[in-house]
Amino acid sequence: MVETKVLVVDDDSNICDLIELYLQKEGYRVYKAHNGSEAIKIYRDKTVDIIVLDIMMPIMDGYETLKEIRKTSSVPVLMLTAKGETFDRVLGLELGADDYIVKPFEPKELVARIKAVLRRYKPQTQKRALEFSDLIIDADSYIVKYKGQEMEMPPKEFELLYFIASNPNKVFTRDQLLYEVWGYDYPGDSRTVDVHVKRLREKLPDNKEWQIKTVWGVGYKFEVK
């Protein structure tokens, strides 16, 4: 069995050790860093499957670290933060985070979140590629091509796009999309969907034959004309 590798980044060594303890029980290999600069060095030296990234850190905070990672990689990132305000969560998502969890947290919940992100990141070979005008969404390889160009797309963006495109012209509420794509509820955080839709639209401008359309007062749909 291929070993799953996790990079845990937090300036609190006790938190790092606690997370490591629970992840090792699940059979994961854990690398630890205590600031963003150290995390970047480890990330470049090691091939990791997911990063658990704290926001408030010295030298280089979580936001700057995430920006640096996203310049070259779509590796899943789960933000770990003591901040619970919507602004902080949305900013992390806008920068490319795939999920977040607020301190204090239950270690078992963190492990469950990590498993959920990894489960959605891995290609599901039973799904076929979807093809529309100028757009190919290939679930076997997690690749999206728009006008022949491969688009950089983090796992959650891909999952959202694939789901709505698999159900053309069907309207989904934000809560439905949260449940179907993320796999569990984000109470009161429907803006998570809005953030991801915004990022998809920036990468995939409307085509004459399809568009990601807002249905006001309801949610979104992938409209095929």
C-alpha atoms as a PDB file:
ATOM      1  CA  MET A   1       0.000   0.000   0.000  1.00  0.00           C
ATOM      2  CA  VAL A   2       1.282   3.458  -0.910  1.00  0.00           C
ATOM      3  CA  GLU A   3       2.032   5.516   2.197  1.00  0.00           C
ATOM      4  CA  THR A   4       0.064   8.760   2.523  1.00  0.00           C
ATOM      5  CA  LYS A   5       2.333  11.683   3.395  1.00  0.00           C
ATOM      6  CA  VAL A   6       1.092  14.699   5.343  1.00  0.00           C
ATOM      7  CA  LEU A   7       2.940  17.965   5.985  1.00  0.00           C
ATOM      8  CA  VAL A   8       1.758  19.595   9.226  1.00  0.00           C
ATOM      9  CA  VAL A   9       2.669  23.275   9.626  1.00  0.00           C
ATOM     10  CA  ASP A  10       2.088  25.054  12.946  1.00  0.00           C
ATOM     11  CA  ASP A  11       4.302  27.219  15.166  1.00  0.00           C
ATOM     12  CA  ASP A  12       2.970  25.368  18.219  1.00  0.00           C
ATOM     13  CA  SER A  13       5.049  22.197  18.519  1.00  0.00           C
ATOM     14  CA  ASN A  14       2.494  20.638  20.863  1.00  0.00           C
ATOM     15  CA  ILE A  15      -0.211  20.905  18.202  1.00  0.00           C
ATOM     16  CA  CYS A  16       2.131  19.427  15.605  1.00  0.00           C
ATOM     17  CA  ASP A  17       2.930  16.518  17.895  1.00  0.00           C
ATOM     18  CA  LEU A  18      -0.750  15.920  18.684  1.00  0.00           C
ATOM     19  CA  ILE A  19      -1.723  15.875  15.011  1.00  0.00           C
ATOM     20  CA  GLU A  20       1.222  13.622  14.232  1.00  0.00           C
ATOM     21  CA  LEU A  21       0.122  11.160  16.929  1.00  0.00           C
ATOM     22  CA  TYR A  22      -3.383  10.812  15.491  1.00  0.00           C
ATOM     23  CA  LEU A  23      -2.220  10.643  11.881  1.00  0.00           C
ATOM     24  CA  GLN A  24       0.383   7.987  12.642  1.00  0.00           C
ATOM     25  CA  LYS A  25      -2.391   5.858  14.151  1.00  0.00           C
ATOM     26  CA  GLU A  26      -4.020   6.017  10.711  1.00  0.00           C
ATOM     27  CA  GLY A  27      -0.806   4.869   9.067  1.00  0.00           C
ATOM     28  CA  TYR A  28       0.181   8.254   7.629  1.00  0.00           C
ATOM     29  CA  ARG A  29       3.747   9.514   7.284  1.00  0.00           C
ATOM     30  CA  VAL A  30       4.036  12.955   8.888  1.00  0.00           C
ATOM     31  CA  TYR A  31       6.470  15.795   8.227  1.00  0.00           C
ATOM     32  CA  LYS A  32       6.412  18.807  10.558  1.00  0.00           C
ATOM     33  CA  ALA A  33       7.305  22.472  10.107  1.00  0.00           C
ATOM     34  CA  HIS A  34       6.910  25.420  12.473  1.00  0.00           C
ATOM     35  CA  ASN A  35       6.778  28.334  10.036  1.00  0.00           C
ATOM     36  CA  GLY A  36       5.974  28.933   6.395  1.00  0.00           C
ATOM     37  CA  SER A  37       9.572  29.233   5.242  1.00  0.00           C
ATOM     38  CA  GLU A  38      10.449  25.873   6.751  1.00  0.00           C
ATOM     39  CA  ALA A  39       7.287  24.367   5.273  1.00  0.00           C
ATOM     40  CA  ILE A  40       8.194  25.506   1.751  1.00  0.00           C
ATOM     41  CA  LYS A  41      11.631  23.882   2.045  1.00  0.00           C
ATOM     42  CA  ILE A  42      10.172  20.572   3.227  1.00  0.00           C
ATOM     43  CA  TYR A  43       7.449  20.687   0.584  1.00  0.00           C
ATOM     44  CA  ARG A  44      10.018  21.160  -2.184  1.00  0.00           C
ATOM     45  CA  ASP A  45      12.149  18.292  -0.878  1.00  0.00           C
ATOM     46  CA  LYS A  46       9.358  15.829  -0.172  1.00  0.00           C
ATOM     47  CA  THR A  47       6.386  14.608  -2.159  1.00  0.00           C
ATOM     48  CA  VAL A  48       3.384  15.081   0.125  1.00  0.00           C
ATOM     49  CA  ASP A  49      -0.264  14.221  -0.470  1.00  0.00           C
ATOM     50  CA  ILE A  50      -1.827  16.953   1.682  1.00  0.00           C
ATOM     51  CA  ILE A  51      -0.765  19.939   3.795  1.00  0.00           C
ATOM     52  CA  VAL A  52      -2.312  20.982   7.121  1.00  0.00           C
ATOM     53  CA  LEU A  53      -1.423  24.661   7.330  1.00  0.00           C
ATOM     54  CA  ASP A  54      -1.797  27.067  10.255  1.00  0.00           C
ATOM     55  CA  ILE A  55      -2.436  30.723   9.434  1.00  0.00           C
ATOM     56  CA  MET A  56      -0.838  32.667  12.276  1.00  0.00           C
ATOM     57  CA  MET A  57       2.887  31.863  12.142  1.00  0.00           C
ATOM     58  CA  PRO A  58       6.173  33.782  12.314  1.00  0.00           C
ATOM     59  CA  ILE A  59       8.494  34.479   9.349  1.00  0.00           C
ATOM     60  CA  MET A  60       5.887  33.519   6.731  1.00  0.00           C
ATOM     61  CA  ASP A  61       2.228  33.170   7.661  1.00  0.00           C
ATOM     62  CA  GLY A  62      -0.199  30.617   6.270  1.00  0.00           C
ATOM     63  CA  TYR A  63      -1.639  32.925   3.633  1.00  0.00           C
ATOM     64  CA  GLU A  64       1.779  33.721   2.160  1.00  0.00           C
ATOM     65  CA  THR A  65       2.768  30.066   2.341  1.00  0.00           C
ATOM     66  CA  LEU A  66      -0.381  29.033   0.496  1.00  0.00           C
ATOM     67  CA  LYS A  67       0.217  31.652  -2.195  1.00  0.00           C
ATOM     68  CA  GLU A  68       3.717  30.279  -2.734  1.00  0.00           C
ATOM     69  CA  ILE A  69       2.508  26.684  -2.931  1.00  0.00           C
ATOM     70  CA  ARG A  70      -0.253  27.544  -5.392  1.00  0.00           C
ATOM     71  CA  LYS A  71       2.270  29.050  -7.804  1.00  0.00           C
ATOM     72  CA  THR A  72       3.392  25.547  -8.738  1.00  0.00           C
ATOM     73  CA  SER A  73       1.043  22.990  -7.212  1.00  0.00           C
ATOM     74  CA  SER A  74      -2.585  22.048  -6.614  1.00  0.00           C
ATOM     75  CA  VAL A  75      -1.738  19.761  -3.670  1.00  0.00           C
ATOM     76  CA  PRO A  76      -4.687  19.719  -1.225  1.00  0.00           C
ATOM     77  CA  VAL A  77      -4.348  22.231   1.628  1.00  0.00           C
ATOM     78  CA  LEU A  78      -6.413  22.267   4.814  1.00  0.00           C
ATOM     79  CA  MET A  79      -6.139  25.540   6.732  1.00  0.00           C
ATOM     80  CA  LEU A  80      -5.804  25.310  10.506  1.00  0.00           C
ATOM     81  CA  THR A  81      -6.559  28.551  12.311  1.00  0.00           C
ATOM     82  CA  ALA A  82      -7.693  30.120  15.553  1.00  0.00           C
ATOM     83  CA  LYS A  83      -9.645  32.665  13.537  1.00  0.00           C
ATOM     84  CA  GLY A  84     -13.298  31.863  13.025  1.00  0.00           C
ATOM     85  CA  GLU A  85     -14.552  34.937  11.207  1.00  0.00           C
ATOM     86  CA  THR A  86     -16.067  34.476   7.767  1.00  0.00           C
ATOM     87  CA  PHE A  87     -13.532  36.880   6.225  1.00  0.00           C
ATOM     88  CA  ASP A  88     -10.581  34.724   7.265  1.00  0.00           C
ATOM     89  CA  ARG A  89     -12.204  31.531   6.013  1.00  0.00           C
ATOM     90  CA  VAL A  90     -13.189  33.074   2.686  1.00  0.00           C
ATOM     91  CA  LEU A  91      -9.726  34.567   2.174  1.00  0.00           C
ATOM     92  CA  GLY A  92      -8.152  31.149   2.642  1.00  0.00           C
ATOM     93  CA  LEU A  93     -10.541  29.629   0.114  1.00  0.00           C
ATOM     94  CA  GLU A  94      -9.938  32.424  -2.364  1.00  0.00           C
ATOM     95  CA  LEU A  95      -6.199  31.778  -2.133  1.00  0.00           C
ATOM     96  CA  GLY A  96      -6.728  28.113  -2.987  1.00  0.00           C
ATOM     97  CA  ALA A  97      -7.343  26.227   0.262  1.00  0.00           C
ATOM     98  CA  ASP A  98      -9.501  23.120  -0.061  1.00  0.00           C
ATOM     99  CA  ASP A  99     -10.880  23.112   3.483  1.00  0.00           C
ATOM    100  CA  TYR A 100     -10.361  24.695   6.897  1.00  0.00           C
ATOM    101  CA  ILE A 101     -10.873  23.843  10.540  1.00  0.00           C
ATOM    102  CA  VAL A 102     -10.980  26.284  13.449  1.00  0.00           C
ATOM    103  CA  LYS A 103      -9.037  25.886  16.697  1.00  0.00           C
ATOM    104  CA  PRO A 104      -9.744  24.443  19.181  1.00  0.00           C
ATOM    105  CA  PHE A 105     -10.565  21.315  17.225  1.00  0.00           C
ATOM    106  CA  GLU A 106     -11.155  17.646  17.900  1.00  0.00           C
ATOM    107  CA  PRO A 107      -8.237  15.611  16.492  1.00  0.00           C
ATOM    108  CA  LYS A 108     -10.654  12.954  15.217  1.00  0.00           C
ATOM    109  CA  GLU A 109     -12.557  15.595  13.253  1.00  0.00           C
ATOM    110  CA  LEU A 110      -9.306  16.843  11.731  1.00  0.00           C
ATOM    111  CA  VAL A 111      -8.415  13.300  10.677  1.00  0.00           C
ATOM    112  CA  ALA A 112     -11.889  12.902   9.142  1.00  0.00           C
ATOM    113  CA  ARG A 113     -11.488  16.180   7.241  1.00  0.00           C
ATOM    114  CA  ILE A 114      -8.094  15.081   5.924  1.00  0.00           C
ATOM    115  CA  LYS A 115      -9.540  11.762   4.759  1.00  0.00           C
ATOM    116  CA  ALA A 116     -12.450  13.546   3.067  1.00  0.00           C
ATOM    117  CA  VAL A 117     -10.160  15.917   1.169  1.00  0.00           C
ATOM    118  CA  LEU A 118      -7.877  13.069   0.076  1.00  0.00           C
ATOM    119  CA  ARG A 119     -10.845  10.972  -0.994  1.00  0.00           C
ATOM    120  CA  ARG A 120     -12.102  13.755  -3.254  1.00  0.00           C
ATOM    121  CA  TYR A 121      -8.657  14.542  -4.595  1.00  0.00           C
ATOM    122  CA  LYS A 122      -7.914  11.037  -5.883  1.00  0.00           C
ATOM    123  CA  PRO A 123      -9.158  10.383  -9.409  1.00  0.00           C
ATOM    124  CA  GLN A 124     -12.212   8.158  -9.632  1.00  0.00           C
ATOM    125  CA  THR A 125     -11.587   6.055 -12.713  1.00  0.00           C
ATOM    126  CA  GLN A 126     -15.168   4.954 -13.089  1.00  0.00           C
ATOM    127  CA  LYS A 127     -16.145   8.473 -14.140  1.00  0.00           C
ATOM    128  CA  ARG A 128     -15.897   9.382 -17.808  1.00  0.00           C
ATOM    129  CA  ALA A 129     -14.626  12.615 -19.266  1.00  0.00           C
ATOM    130  CA  LEU A 130     -17.205  15.308 -19.975  1.00  0.00           C
ATOM    131  CA  GLU A 131     -16.915  17.237 -23.240  1.00  0.00           C
ATOM    132  CA  PHE A 132     -18.536  20.514 -24.185  1.00  0.00           C
ATOM    133  CA  SER A 133     -17.664  23.249 -26.636  1.00  0.00           C
ATOM    134  CA  ASP A 134     -14.005  24.228 -25.946  1.00  0.00           C
ATOM    135  CA  LEU A 135     -14.150  22.380 -22.611  1.00  0.00           C
ATOM    136  CA  ILE A 136     -13.002  18.923 -21.480  1.00  0.00           C
ATOM    137  CA  ILE A 137     -13.390  17.799 -17.858  1.00  0.00           C
ATOM    138  CA  ASP A 138     -11.496  14.533 -17.353  1.00  0.00           C
ATOM    139  CA  ALA A 139     -12.186  12.887 -13.991  1.00  0.00           C
ATOM    140  CA  ASP A 140      -9.737  10.063 -14.655  1.00  0.00           C
ATOM    141  CA  SER A 141      -6.810  12.469 -14.607  1.00  0.00           C
ATOM    142  CA  TYR A 142      -8.410  15.448 -12.801  1.00  0.00           C
ATOM    143  CA  ILE A 143      -7.547  17.613 -15.793  1.00  0.00           C
ATOM    144  CA  VAL A 144      -9.626  20.448 -17.219  1.00  0.00           C
ATOM    145  CA  LYS A 145      -8.837  21.774 -20.684  1.00  0.00           C
ATOM    146  CA  TYR A 146     -10.351  25.008 -21.965  1.00  0.00           C
ATOM    147  CA  LYS A 147      -9.738  25.895 -25.611  1.00  0.00           C
ATOM    148  CA  GLY A 148      -7.014  23.261 -25.681  1.00  0.00           C
ATOM    149  CA  GLN A 149      -5.147  24.689 -22.690  1.00  0.00           C
ATOM    150  CA  GLU A 150      -4.828  22.760 -19.439  1.00  0.00           C
ATOM    151  CA  MET A 151      -6.182  24.807 -16.537  1.00  0.00           C
ATOM    152  CA  GLU A 152      -4.678  24.866 -13.049  1.00  0.00           C
ATOM    153  CA  MET A 153      -7.520  23.778 -10.796  1.00  0.00           C
ATOM    154  CA  PRO A 154      -7.414  22.731  -7.108  1.00  0.00           C
ATOM    155  CA  PRO A 155      -9.412  19.595  -6.192  1.00  0.00           C
ATOM    156  CA  LYS A 156     -12.484  21.353  -4.792  1.00  0.00           C
ATOM    157  CA  GLU A 157     -12.844  23.546  -7.876  1.00  0.00           C
ATOM    158  CA  PHE A 158     -12.606  20.472 -10.075  1.00  0.00           C
ATOM    159  CA  GLU A 159     -15.131  18.518  -7.985  1.00  0.00           C
ATOM    160  CA  LEU A 160     -17.619  21.391  -8.103  1.00  0.00           C
ATOM    161  CA  LEU A 161     -17.220  21.875 -11.849  1.00  0.00           C
ATOM    162  CA  TYR A 162     -17.499  18.161 -12.566  1.00  0.00           C
ATOM    163  CA  PHE A 163     -20.597  17.773 -10.417  1.00  0.00           C
ATOM    164  CA  ILE A 164     -22.622  20.595 -11.949  1.00  0.00           C
ATOM    165  CA  ALA A 165     -21.425  19.772 -15.468  1.00  0.00           C
ATOM    166  CA  SER A 166     -22.508  16.159 -14.908  1.00  0.00           C
ATOM    167  CA  ASN A 167     -26.003  17.508 -14.299  1.00  0.00           C
ATOM    168  CA  PRO A 168     -26.457  20.096 -17.074  1.00  0.00           C
ATOM    169  CA  ASN A 169     -29.312  22.579 -16.695  1.00  0.00           C
ATOM    170  CA  LYS A 170     -30.170  21.299 -13.219  1.00  0.00           C
ATOM    171  CA  VAL A 171     -30.313  23.955 -10.504  1.00  0.00           C
ATOM    172  CA  PHE A 172     -28.600  23.237  -7.180  1.00  0.00           C
ATOM    173  CA  THR A 173     -28.855  25.244  -3.988  1.00  0.00           C
ATOM    174  CA  ARG A 174     -25.659  26.182  -2.188  1.00  0.00           C
ATOM    175  CA  ASP A 175     -26.477  23.719   0.593  1.00  0.00           C
ATOM    176  CA  GLN A 176     -26.933  20.920  -1.938  1.00  0.00           C
ATOM    177  CA  LEU A 177     -23.583  21.710  -3.505  1.00  0.00           C
ATOM    178  CA  LEU A 178     -21.891  21.800  -0.109  1.00  0.00           C
ATOM    179  CA  TYR A 179     -23.283  18.365   0.678  1.00  0.00           C
ATOM    180  CA  GLU A 180     -22.580  16.799  -2.708  1.00  0.00           C
ATOM    181  CA  VAL A 181     -19.103  18.233  -3.290  1.00  0.00           C
ATOM    182  CA  TRP A 182     -17.669  18.679   0.198  1.00  0.00           C
ATOM    183  CA  GLY A 183     -19.431  15.670   1.664  1.00  0.00           C
ATOM    184  CA  TYR A 184     -20.529  17.337   4.881  1.00  0.00           C
ATOM    185  CA  ASP A 185     -22.244  20.533   5.965  1.00  0.00           C
ATOM    186  CA  TYR A 186     -20.639  23.934   6.499  1.00  0.00           C
ATOM    187  CA  PRO A 187     -23.294  25.489   8.776  1.00  0.00           C
ATOM    188  CA  GLY A 188     -23.817  29.094   7.753  1.00  0.00           C
ATOM    189  CA  ASP A 189     -20.954  29.055   5.258  1.00  0.00           C
ATOM    190  CA  SER A 190     -22.723  28.973   1.920  1.00  0.00           C
ATOM    191  CA  ARG A 191     -20.232  31.585   0.707  1.00  0.00           C
ATOM    192  CA  THR A 192     -17.793  28.690   0.294  1.00  0.00           C
ATOM    193  CA  VAL A 193     -19.680  27.785  -2.869  1.00  0.00           C
ATOM    194  CA  ASP A 194     -19.756  31.411  -4.053  1.00  0.00           C
ATOM    195  CA  VAL A 195     -15.980  31.676  -3.708  1.00  0.00           C
ATOM    196  CA  HIS A 196     -15.369  28.538  -5.755  1.00  0.00           C
ATOM    197  CA  VAL A 197     -17.864  29.545  -8.442  1.00  0.00           C
ATOM    198  CA  LYS A 198     -16.140  32.920  -8.718  1.00  0.00           C
ATOM    199  CA  ARG A 199     -12.779  31.225  -9.231  1.00  0.00           C
ATOM    200  CA  LEU A 200     -14.220  28.854 -11.838  1.00  0.00           C
ATOM    201  CA  ARG A 201     -15.731  31.746 -13.780  1.00  0.00           C
ATOM    202  CA  GLU A 202     -12.415  33.576 -13.786  1.00  0.00           C
ATOM    203  CA  LYS A 203     -10.738  30.536 -15.332  1.00  0.00           C
ATOM    204  CA  LEU A 204     -13.612  29.542 -17.635  1.00  0.00           C
ATOM    205  CA  PRO A 205     -15.273  32.582 -19.250  1.00  0.00           C
ATOM    206  CA  ASP A 206     -18.775  31.954 -20.577  1.00  0.00           C
ATOM    207  CA  ASN A 207     -18.972  30.039 -23.808  1.00  0.00           C
ATOM    208  CA  LYS A 208     -21.722  30.529 -26.412  1.00  0.00           C
ATOM    209  CA  GLU A 209     -22.952  26.998 -25.732  1.00  0.00           C
ATOM    210  CA  TRP A 210     -22.555  26.760 -21.933  1.00  0.00           C
ATOM    211  CA  GLN A 211     -22.078  28.825 -18.800  1.00  0.00           C
ATOM    212  CA  ILE A 212     -22.002  28.542 -15.020  1.00  0.00           C
ATOM    213  CA  LYS A 213     -25.157  30.475 -14.317  1.00  0.00           C
ATOM    214  CA  THR A 214     -26.481  32.028 -11.135  1.00  0.00           C
ATOM    215  CA  VAL A 215     -30.141  31.331 -10.479  1.00  0.00           C
ATOM    216  CA  TRP A 216     -31.011  34.243  -8.223  1.00  0.00           C
ATOM    217  CA  GLY A 217     -32.528  33.273  -4.898  1.00  0.00           C
ATOM    218  CA  VAL A 218     -31.779  29.600  -5.496  1.00  0.00           C
ATOM    219  CA  GLY A 219     -28.206  28.687  -6.417  1.00  0.00           C
ATOM    220  CA  TYR A 220     -26.259  27.691  -9.524  1.00  0.00           C
ATOM    221  CA  LYS A 221     -26.468  25.519 -12.594  1.00  0.00           C
ATOM    222  CA  PHE A 222     -24.270  24.505 -15.508  1.00  0.00           C
ATOM    223  CA  GLU A 223     -26.403  25.760 -18.373  1.00  0.00           C
ATOM    224  CA  VAL A 224     -26.023  24.100 -21.735  1.00  0.00           C
ATOM    225  CA  LYS A 225     -27.749  25.959 -24.575  1.00  0.00           C
END
